[in-house]
Amino acid sequence: MHPKQTLVCVITSRGMAAISSIVLAGSDAQEILQKVFRKSSPSTPSPLPSSLLSFGATSRGTPPSQGERFTILQGSIFDDDSVIDEVVVGCESEGTVVIHCHGNPLLVERIVKLLQSHGAELTDSETFAFARHKKSSNNTIVAEAKLAMQKSATLLGVKILQAQIEGGLSTWAQRCVNNFDTLNLPDIKNECQQILERSKVAKRIIEGVRIVIAGPPNSGKSTLLNCLAAQPQAVVSDVAGTTRDWVSITCQLGPIRAELIDTAGLDDTLAGKGAIGQTAQALTKELLESCDLVLYVVSALSPQPSVLSHYTAPVVCVYNKCDLLQEHKNLGTHEPKNSEGILVSAKHNMGIDPLAQETIKRLGVSDFDTAAPVAFTSRQQELLSAIMTEPDTAKEGLKRLLCSGNDS
């Protein structure tokens, strides 16, 4: 028999917030509350409408009785005979109460420590939320999807996660478990591979992407960043090497959230000009190795850029300053220097829409099937990989997708 566990979590404390909320949930929640909370008497002035209060015929300073049903109570938190704070306590459901106290972090800390001294276990908000979702969900995938929806960067990401609850990965895993003896293992492995491939794109939609704007000095990278941001974010100058550190902005790029990073111009001569130049060049290369996509910017008047084939992220070549090619002709009359390049004039906001469309296309987002099964947590991805490489434990792996290893 598992021991009782009551969790305590601070869910809305932010610095010196006016009000903080402390959630106490578990089989001993009301018992712990009895030890630290005293209700105000009905005659005590209350900031809440009397219709919302359920004091009963009790005097000031009495705890709520075990099993007492209530919606909202007003009173104080006590440590022995010392009052810590006046609070409002709400009963959200059986075994779950929320203590709304003043937002001073010192008061919040005292209340939490008091609850811990009576047996509550402190946990972080994400773990706490997952435990609550899991209690009301059919399987672990559903609980993980509910939690992930709270952090999704886009509405399209929420749509993908909702699909994993109503069908998607949850239904696929259950179908495989139910029909495992009649399915071919190679087919299951192939489906796992397809899910993992789709998951790379799903992650970009759910969590957002990091796009690095790179290229030689004075090619217009900072101007392009400002253009995409629709407001000045980076210093613009005709002097090569103006950007020594990276500058980032977050914006909506079609259906996804994108962090755009303007980097120092790639130039071996700048790398040799002191420690600052070396550091800037090294940081640019580090960002290029960890991003989802590269916008490689060169002047339309310059030679064709070198191919960044040694980077794993896809690269979109951007030929900037196309307005200088023929000042009196339309952008549509010019052809890029290769079939993969996009002609733009960041200074005059020309060619930005085609650039955005090409970026979305290269990220694989434009035609993504939101209803298809995807793995959206590292736990799911690790289990799918194990199913592919360890066929003898494939059925057990599928079962673990639906419930954690600690569940029966």
Protein backbone atom coordinates (compact mmCIF):
# COMPACT_ATOMS: atom_id res chain seq x y z
CA MET A 1 0.00 0.00 0.00
CA HIS A 2 1.43 3.36 -1.01
CA PRO A 3 1.83 6.00 1.73
CA LYS A 4 -0.37 9.05 1.59
CA GLN A 5 1.07 11.93 -0.36
CA THR A 6 -0.07 15.52 -0.23
CA LEU A 7 1.62 18.01 -2.55
CA VAL A 8 2.03 21.73 -2.06
CA CYS A 9 2.83 24.06 -4.95
CA VAL A 10 3.10 27.84 -5.35
CA ILE A 11 1.44 28.58 -8.68
CA THR A 12 1.09 32.37 -8.96
CA SER A 13 3.86 33.93 -6.90
CA ARG A 14 5.83 36.38 -9.06
CA GLY A 15 8.22 38.62 -7.13
CA MET A 16 6.20 41.12 -5.13
CA ALA A 17 2.83 40.14 -6.62
CA ALA A 18 -0.22 41.45 -4.74
CA ILE A 19 -1.64 37.96 -4.24
CA SER A 20 -0.09 34.49 -4.38
CA SER A 21 -1.87 31.15 -4.57
CA ILE A 22 -0.63 28.00 -2.85
CA VAL A 23 -2.25 24.72 -3.88
CA LEU A 24 -2.50 21.87 -1.37
CA ALA A 25 -3.64 18.62 -2.95
CA GLY A 26 -3.80 15.04 -1.72
CA SER A 27 -5.54 12.72 0.69
CA ASP A 28 -4.30 14.67 3.74
CA ALA A 29 -4.97 18.15 2.35
CA GLN A 30 -7.90 19.02 4.61
CA GLU A 31 -6.25 17.40 7.64
CA ILE A 32 -3.16 19.59 7.15
CA LEU A 33 -5.36 22.63 6.58
CA GLN A 34 -7.07 21.99 9.93
CA LYS A 35 -3.72 22.28 11.71
CA VAL A 36 -2.76 25.67 10.27
CA PHE A 37 -5.97 27.50 9.35
CA ARG A 38 -8.57 29.24 11.52
CA LYS A 39 -11.81 30.61 10.14
CA SER A 40 -13.06 34.11 10.77
CA SER A 41 -16.36 34.44 12.61
CA PRO A 42 -19.50 35.39 10.65
CA SER A 43 -19.57 38.74 12.43
CA THR A 44 -16.10 39.71 11.23
CA PRO A 45 -16.29 42.15 8.27
CA SER A 46 -15.41 40.36 5.06
CA PRO A 47 -14.38 41.67 1.67
CA LEU A 48 -16.30 38.79 0.07
CA PRO A 49 -20.08 38.59 -0.49
CA SER A 50 -21.69 36.62 2.34
CA SER A 51 -23.42 34.39 -0.21
CA LEU A 52 -20.03 32.97 -1.16
CA LEU A 53 -19.00 32.08 2.39
CA SER A 54 -19.88 28.89 4.26
CA PHE A 55 -18.80 29.55 7.80
CA GLY A 56 -21.50 27.66 9.64
CA ALA A 57 -22.23 28.35 13.34
CA THR A 58 -18.60 28.57 14.45
CA SER A 59 -16.73 31.15 16.49
CA ARG A 60 -13.63 33.09 15.47
CA GLY A 61 -10.47 31.00 15.57
CA THR A 62 -11.94 27.54 14.86
CA PRO A 63 -10.51 25.22 12.21
CA PRO A 64 -12.72 23.71 9.50
CA SER A 65 -13.90 20.31 10.70
CA GLN A 66 -12.72 17.15 8.95
CA GLY A 67 -15.05 16.38 6.06
CA GLU A 68 -16.71 19.80 6.17
CA ARG A 69 -17.96 20.87 2.77
CA PHE A 70 -17.13 24.44 1.78
CA THR A 71 -16.51 26.60 -1.26
CA ILE A 72 -14.68 29.63 0.16
CA LEU A 73 -13.46 30.40 3.68
CA GLN A 74 -11.82 33.51 5.05
CA GLY A 75 -9.44 33.35 7.98
CA SER A 76 -5.79 33.23 8.99
CA ILE A 77 -2.82 30.90 8.78
CA PHE A 78 -1.35 30.18 12.23
CA ASP A 79 2.00 28.78 13.32
CA ASP A 80 1.12 27.70 16.85
CA ASP A 81 -0.33 30.95 18.27
CA SER A 82 1.42 33.25 15.78
CA VAL A 83 -0.56 34.61 12.83
CA ILE A 84 1.41 34.41 9.57
CA ASP A 85 -1.15 35.96 7.22
CA GLU A 86 -4.84 36.57 6.61
CA VAL A 87 -5.98 34.39 3.72
CA VAL A 88 -8.89 33.19 1.63
CA VAL A 89 -9.12 29.43 1.16
CA GLY A 90 -10.98 27.91 -1.76
CA CYS A 91 -11.99 24.28 -2.14
CA GLU A 92 -11.53 23.39 -5.81
CA SER A 93 -12.41 19.71 -5.48
CA GLU A 94 -12.21 16.84 -3.04
CA GLY A 95 -8.67 16.75 -1.68
CA THR A 96 -7.63 20.03 -3.32
CA VAL A 97 -7.62 23.41 -1.56
CA VAL A 98 -6.05 26.68 -2.65
CA ILE A 99 -4.70 29.17 -0.11
CA HIS A 100 -4.76 32.73 -1.47
CA CYS A 101 -2.37 34.85 0.57
CA HIS A 102 -0.52 38.14 0.22
CA GLY A 103 2.22 38.04 -2.40
CA ASN A 104 5.21 38.93 -0.23
CA PRO A 105 7.74 36.13 -0.96
CA LEU A 106 8.70 35.94 2.73
CA LEU A 107 5.10 35.25 3.74
CA VAL A 108 4.69 32.69 0.96
CA GLU A 109 7.87 30.92 2.05
CA ARG A 110 6.73 30.79 5.70
CA ILE A 111 3.37 29.28 4.76
CA VAL A 112 4.96 26.69 2.47
CA LYS A 113 7.48 25.66 5.14
CA LEU A 114 4.66 25.38 7.67
CA LEU A 115 2.71 23.08 5.35
CA GLN A 116 5.85 21.01 4.79
CA SER A 117 6.33 20.66 8.53
CA HIS A 118 2.92 18.98 8.65
CA GLY A 119 3.79 16.45 5.95
CA ALA A 120 3.13 18.19 2.62
CA GLU A 121 5.71 17.65 -0.10
CA LEU A 122 6.83 20.70 -2.09
CA THR A 123 6.86 20.28 -5.86
CA ASP A 124 7.30 22.53 -8.90
CA SER A 125 4.32 23.80 -10.85
CA GLU A 126 4.92 21.59 -13.90
CA THR A 127 5.17 18.37 -11.87
CA PHE A 128 2.13 19.41 -9.88
CA ALA A 129 0.09 20.19 -12.99
CA PHE A 130 1.10 16.89 -14.62
CA ALA A 131 0.02 14.92 -11.53
CA ARG A 132 -3.39 16.62 -11.65
CA HIS A 133 -3.79 16.01 -15.39
CA LYS A 134 -2.76 12.39 -15.03
CA LYS A 135 -5.38 11.80 -12.35
CA SER A 136 -8.12 12.83 -14.78
CA SER A 137 -6.67 11.27 -17.96
CA ASN A 138 -7.03 7.84 -19.55
CA ASN A 139 -3.29 7.46 -20.11
CA THR A 140 0.02 9.26 -19.74
CA ILE A 141 0.06 10.55 -23.35
CA VAL A 142 -3.21 12.40 -22.70
CA ALA A 143 -1.83 13.94 -19.49
CA GLU A 144 1.38 14.99 -21.27
CA ALA A 145 -0.64 16.58 -24.07
CA LYS A 146 -2.77 18.58 -21.62
CA LEU A 147 0.38 19.86 -19.92
CA ALA A 148 2.10 20.68 -23.21
CA MET A 149 -0.92 22.68 -24.40
CA GLN A 150 -0.36 25.12 -21.52
CA LYS A 151 3.08 25.94 -22.95
CA SER A 152 2.44 25.70 -26.69
CA ALA A 153 3.84 28.66 -28.63
CA THR A 154 1.00 28.68 -31.20
CA LEU A 155 -2.65 27.77 -31.64
CA LEU A 156 -1.62 25.33 -34.36
CA GLY A 157 0.56 23.62 -31.75
CA VAL A 158 -2.47 23.32 -29.45
CA LYS A 159 -4.40 21.76 -32.35
CA ILE A 160 -1.65 19.15 -32.85
CA LEU A 161 -1.60 18.32 -29.13
CA GLN A 162 -5.39 18.10 -28.94
CA ALA A 163 -5.26 15.62 -31.82
CA GLN A 164 -2.91 13.40 -29.78
CA ILE A 165 -5.63 13.16 -27.10
CA GLU A 166 -8.57 12.46 -29.38
CA GLY A 167 -6.58 10.19 -31.72
CA GLY A 168 -2.99 10.63 -32.80
CA LEU A 169 -0.28 8.98 -30.71
CA SER A 170 -2.68 7.87 -27.97
CA THR A 171 -4.95 5.94 -30.32
CA TRP A 172 -2.01 4.58 -32.35
CA ALA A 173 -0.26 3.19 -29.27
CA GLN A 174 -3.47 1.65 -27.91
CA ARG A 175 -4.22 0.04 -31.28
CA CYS A 176 -0.73 -1.46 -31.42
CA VAL A 177 -1.03 -2.88 -27.89
CA ASN A 178 -4.49 -4.34 -28.54
CA ASN A 179 -3.47 -5.96 -31.84
CA PHE A 180 0.22 -6.60 -31.21
CA ASP A 181 0.05 -10.37 -31.86
CA THR A 182 -1.46 -9.85 -35.32
CA LEU A 183 0.77 -6.97 -36.40
CA ASN A 184 4.11 -7.28 -38.18
CA LEU A 185 6.99 -5.92 -36.13
CA PRO A 186 8.69 -4.37 -39.21
CA ASP A 187 5.47 -2.39 -39.83
CA ILE A 188 5.47 -1.12 -36.24
CA LYS A 189 9.14 -0.12 -36.52
CA ASN A 190 8.42 1.70 -39.78
CA GLU A 191 5.51 3.57 -38.18
CA CYS A 192 7.75 4.54 -35.25
CA GLN A 193 10.28 5.99 -37.70
CA GLN A 194 7.57 7.98 -39.48
CA ILE A 195 6.27 9.34 -36.16
CA LEU A 196 9.76 10.43 -35.11
CA GLU A 197 10.31 12.20 -38.44
CA ARG A 198 6.99 14.05 -38.18
CA SER A 199 7.82 14.93 -34.59
CA LYS A 200 10.74 17.11 -35.69
CA VAL A 201 8.35 19.39 -37.56
CA ALA A 202 5.69 19.19 -34.83
CA LYS A 203 8.24 20.39 -32.30
CA ARG A 204 8.90 23.48 -34.41
CA ILE A 205 5.19 24.30 -34.41
CA ILE A 206 4.60 23.54 -30.73
CA GLU A 207 7.76 25.09 -29.26
CA GLY A 208 8.78 27.60 -31.94
CA VAL A 209 11.95 27.82 -34.01
CA ARG A 210 15.31 29.57 -33.85
CA ILE A 211 16.39 31.18 -37.11
CA VAL A 212 19.90 32.59 -37.43
CA ILE A 213 20.56 35.46 -39.84
CA ALA A 214 24.15 34.98 -40.99
CA GLY A 215 26.43 36.11 -43.78
CA PRO A 216 29.41 38.35 -44.52
CA PRO A 217 29.75 41.79 -42.92
CA ASN A 218 27.74 44.70 -44.34
CA SER A 219 25.35 42.44 -46.27
CA GLY A 220 22.26 43.90 -44.57
CA LYS A 221 21.61 41.28 -41.86
CA SER A 222 20.63 43.84 -39.24
CA THR A 223 18.39 45.69 -41.71
CA LEU A 224 16.66 42.41 -42.55
CA LEU A 225 16.11 41.70 -38.85
CA ASN A 226 14.57 45.15 -38.39
CA CYS A 227 12.39 44.60 -41.44
CA LEU A 228 11.11 41.24 -40.20
CA ALA A 229 10.57 42.70 -36.71
CA ALA A 230 8.73 45.69 -38.21
CA GLN A 231 10.63 47.98 -35.84
CA PRO A 232 14.29 48.84 -35.15
CA GLN A 233 16.00 46.19 -33.03
CA ALA A 234 19.61 46.26 -34.25
CA VAL A 235 22.11 49.02 -35.01
CA VAL A 236 22.52 49.53 -38.76
CA SER A 237 25.73 50.90 -40.26
CA ASP A 238 27.76 50.77 -43.46
CA VAL A 239 30.83 49.87 -41.41
CA ALA A 240 31.76 46.18 -41.62
CA GLY A 241 31.65 44.40 -38.29
CA THR A 242 29.17 46.74 -36.56
CA THR A 243 27.33 43.81 -34.97
CA ARG A 244 29.74 42.20 -32.51
CA ASP A 245 27.19 40.45 -30.28
CA TRP A 246 23.96 38.75 -31.29
CA VAL A 247 20.56 40.46 -31.21
CA SER A 248 17.31 38.49 -31.13
CA ILE A 249 13.60 39.20 -31.54
CA THR A 250 10.58 36.92 -31.38
CA CYS A 251 7.87 37.25 -33.99
CA GLN A 252 5.07 35.33 -35.65
CA LEU A 253 6.15 33.82 -38.97
CA GLY A 254 3.05 32.37 -40.59
CA PRO A 255 1.77 29.59 -38.30
CA ILE A 256 4.89 29.40 -36.13
CA ARG A 257 6.68 31.51 -33.54
CA ALA A 258 10.22 32.33 -34.56
CA GLU A 259 13.18 33.68 -32.67
CA LEU A 260 15.27 35.59 -35.20
CA ILE A 261 18.92 36.11 -34.30
CA ASP A 262 21.13 38.69 -35.99
CA THR A 263 24.78 37.63 -35.73
CA ALA A 264 28.22 39.09 -36.31
CA GLY A 265 29.29 38.94 -39.95
CA LEU A 266 31.27 35.85 -40.87
CA ASP A 267 34.74 37.09 -41.77
CA ASP A 268 38.11 35.48 -41.04
CA THR A 269 39.82 38.89 -41.04
CA LEU A 270 37.48 40.16 -38.31
CA ALA A 271 38.12 36.99 -36.32
CA GLY A 272 41.77 37.92 -36.20
CA LYS A 273 41.20 41.45 -34.90
CA GLY A 274 41.43 40.97 -31.16
CA ALA A 275 39.55 38.95 -28.57
CA ILE A 276 36.19 40.66 -29.20
CA GLY A 277 36.23 39.79 -32.89
CA GLN A 278 37.28 36.21 -32.18
CA THR A 279 34.53 35.79 -29.59
CA ALA A 280 31.88 37.23 -31.93
CA GLN A 281 32.90 34.91 -34.77
CA ALA A 282 32.92 31.87 -32.46
CA LEU A 283 29.47 32.75 -31.10
CA THR A 284 28.06 33.08 -34.61
CA LYS A 285 29.34 29.63 -35.55
CA GLU A 286 27.95 28.18 -32.32
CA LEU A 287 24.50 29.62 -33.05
CA LEU A 288 24.63 28.24 -36.60
CA GLU A 289 25.17 24.75 -35.22
CA SER A 290 22.15 24.88 -32.89
CA CYS A 291 19.46 26.63 -34.93
CA ASP A 292 16.50 25.29 -36.94
CA LEU A 293 17.19 27.30 -40.11
CA VAL A 294 19.75 29.76 -41.50
CA LEU A 295 18.96 32.88 -43.51
CA TYR A 296 22.29 33.40 -45.27
CA VAL A 297 22.37 37.03 -46.41
CA VAL A 298 24.65 38.44 -49.11
CA SER A 299 24.51 41.53 -51.26
CA ALA A 300 22.83 40.96 -54.62
CA LEU A 301 25.84 42.73 -56.12
CA SER A 302 28.32 40.26 -54.57
CA PRO A 303 29.51 36.90 -55.85
CA GLN A 304 27.42 33.82 -55.11
CA PRO A 305 27.70 32.83 -51.42
CA SER A 306 29.57 29.77 -50.30
CA VAL A 307 27.35 26.81 -49.50
CA LEU A 308 26.99 26.07 -45.79
CA SER A 309 26.76 22.34 -46.38
CA HIS A 310 28.55 21.49 -43.18
CA TYR A 311 25.65 22.78 -41.08
CA THR A 312 22.74 20.44 -40.34
CA ALA A 313 20.06 23.16 -40.46
CA PRO A 314 18.47 24.04 -43.81
CA VAL A 315 19.80 27.21 -45.46
CA VAL A 316 17.83 29.86 -47.37
CA CYS A 317 20.09 32.15 -49.44
CA VAL A 318 18.90 35.75 -49.27
CA TYR A 319 20.16 38.17 -51.94
CA ASN A 320 19.71 41.55 -50.29
CA LYS A 321 19.93 45.07 -51.77
CA CYS A 322 18.28 43.97 -55.01
CA ASP A 323 17.03 47.55 -55.44
CA LEU A 324 20.59 48.45 -56.41
CA LEU A 325 20.62 46.07 -59.40
CA GLN A 326 18.31 48.21 -61.52
CA GLU A 327 16.82 51.08 -59.57
CA HIS A 328 13.94 51.77 -61.97
CA LYS A 329 12.77 48.19 -62.47
CA ASN A 330 10.36 46.12 -60.44
CA LEU A 331 11.58 43.33 -58.17
CA GLY A 332 9.71 40.81 -60.29
CA THR A 333 11.90 41.50 -63.33
CA HIS A 334 15.03 40.18 -61.60
CA GLU A 335 16.07 36.58 -61.24
CA PRO A 336 18.05 35.32 -58.24
CA LYS A 337 21.58 34.10 -58.80
CA ASN A 338 20.52 30.51 -58.18
CA SER A 339 17.21 28.67 -58.02
CA GLU A 340 17.30 28.43 -54.21
CA GLY A 341 17.89 32.12 -53.54
CA ILE A 342 15.37 34.84 -52.69
CA LEU A 343 15.81 38.43 -53.91
CA VAL A 344 14.94 41.04 -51.29
CA SER A 345 15.52 44.64 -50.39
CA ALA A 346 15.28 44.80 -46.62
CA LYS A 347 15.73 48.58 -46.74
CA HIS A 348 12.64 49.00 -48.95
CA ASN A 349 10.63 46.03 -47.59
CA MET A 350 10.70 44.24 -50.96
CA GLY A 351 10.50 40.45 -51.35
CA ILE A 352 9.79 39.81 -47.65
CA ASP A 353 6.59 37.81 -48.21
CA PRO A 354 8.25 35.33 -50.64
CA LEU A 355 11.11 35.01 -48.14
CA ALA A 356 8.67 34.18 -45.32
CA GLN A 357 6.87 31.62 -47.50
CA GLU A 358 10.15 29.94 -48.48
CA THR A 359 11.24 29.85 -44.84
CA ILE A 360 8.02 28.15 -43.74
CA LYS A 361 8.32 25.69 -46.62
CA ARG A 362 11.92 24.77 -45.75
CA LEU A 363 10.91 24.17 -42.13
CA GLY A 364 8.33 21.63 -43.34
CA VAL A 365 5.45 23.43 -41.67
CA SER A 366 3.35 24.57 -44.63
CA ASP A 367 1.64 21.22 -45.37
CA PHE A 368 1.90 19.50 -41.98
CA ASP A 369 -0.87 17.02 -41.06
CA THR A 370 -1.99 18.15 -37.60
CA ALA A 371 -4.02 14.97 -36.99
CA ALA A 372 -1.12 12.55 -37.49
CA PRO A 373 0.56 10.81 -34.51
CA VAL A 374 3.63 12.68 -33.19
CA ALA A 375 5.93 12.30 -30.19
CA PHE A 376 6.05 15.63 -28.33
CA THR A 377 8.07 14.69 -25.21
CA SER A 378 11.55 13.23 -24.79
CA ARG A 379 10.00 10.28 -22.93
CA GLN A 380 7.87 9.39 -25.94
CA GLN A 381 10.76 9.81 -28.37
CA GLU A 382 13.06 7.60 -26.30
CA LEU A 383 10.43 4.85 -26.08
CA LEU A 384 9.76 4.94 -29.84
CA SER A 385 13.50 4.72 -30.53
CA ALA A 386 13.78 1.76 -28.14
CA ILE A 387 10.89 -0.03 -29.89
CA MET A 388 12.79 0.27 -33.17
CA THR A 389 16.10 -1.01 -31.79
CA GLU A 390 14.89 -3.57 -29.22
CA PRO A 391 12.18 -5.71 -30.88
CA ASP A 392 12.01 -8.18 -27.97
CA THR A 393 10.62 -5.48 -25.70
CA ALA A 394 8.48 -3.69 -28.29
CA LYS A 395 5.15 -4.58 -26.69
CA GLU A 396 6.34 -3.45 -23.27
CA GLY A 397 7.56 -0.21 -24.80
CA LEU A 398 4.15 0.43 -26.34
CA LYS A 399 2.50 -0.17 -22.98
CA ARG A 400 4.88 2.28 -21.32
CA LEU A 401 3.89 4.90 -23.89
CA LEU A 402 0.39 4.72 -22.47
CA CYS A 403 1.37 4.63 -18.79
CA SER A 404 4.54 5.39 -16.82
CA GLY A 405 6.80 2.64 -15.53
CA ASN A 406 5.47 3.21 -11.99
CA ASP A 407 1.89 2.42 -12.96
CA SER A 408 0.52 -1.07 -12.75
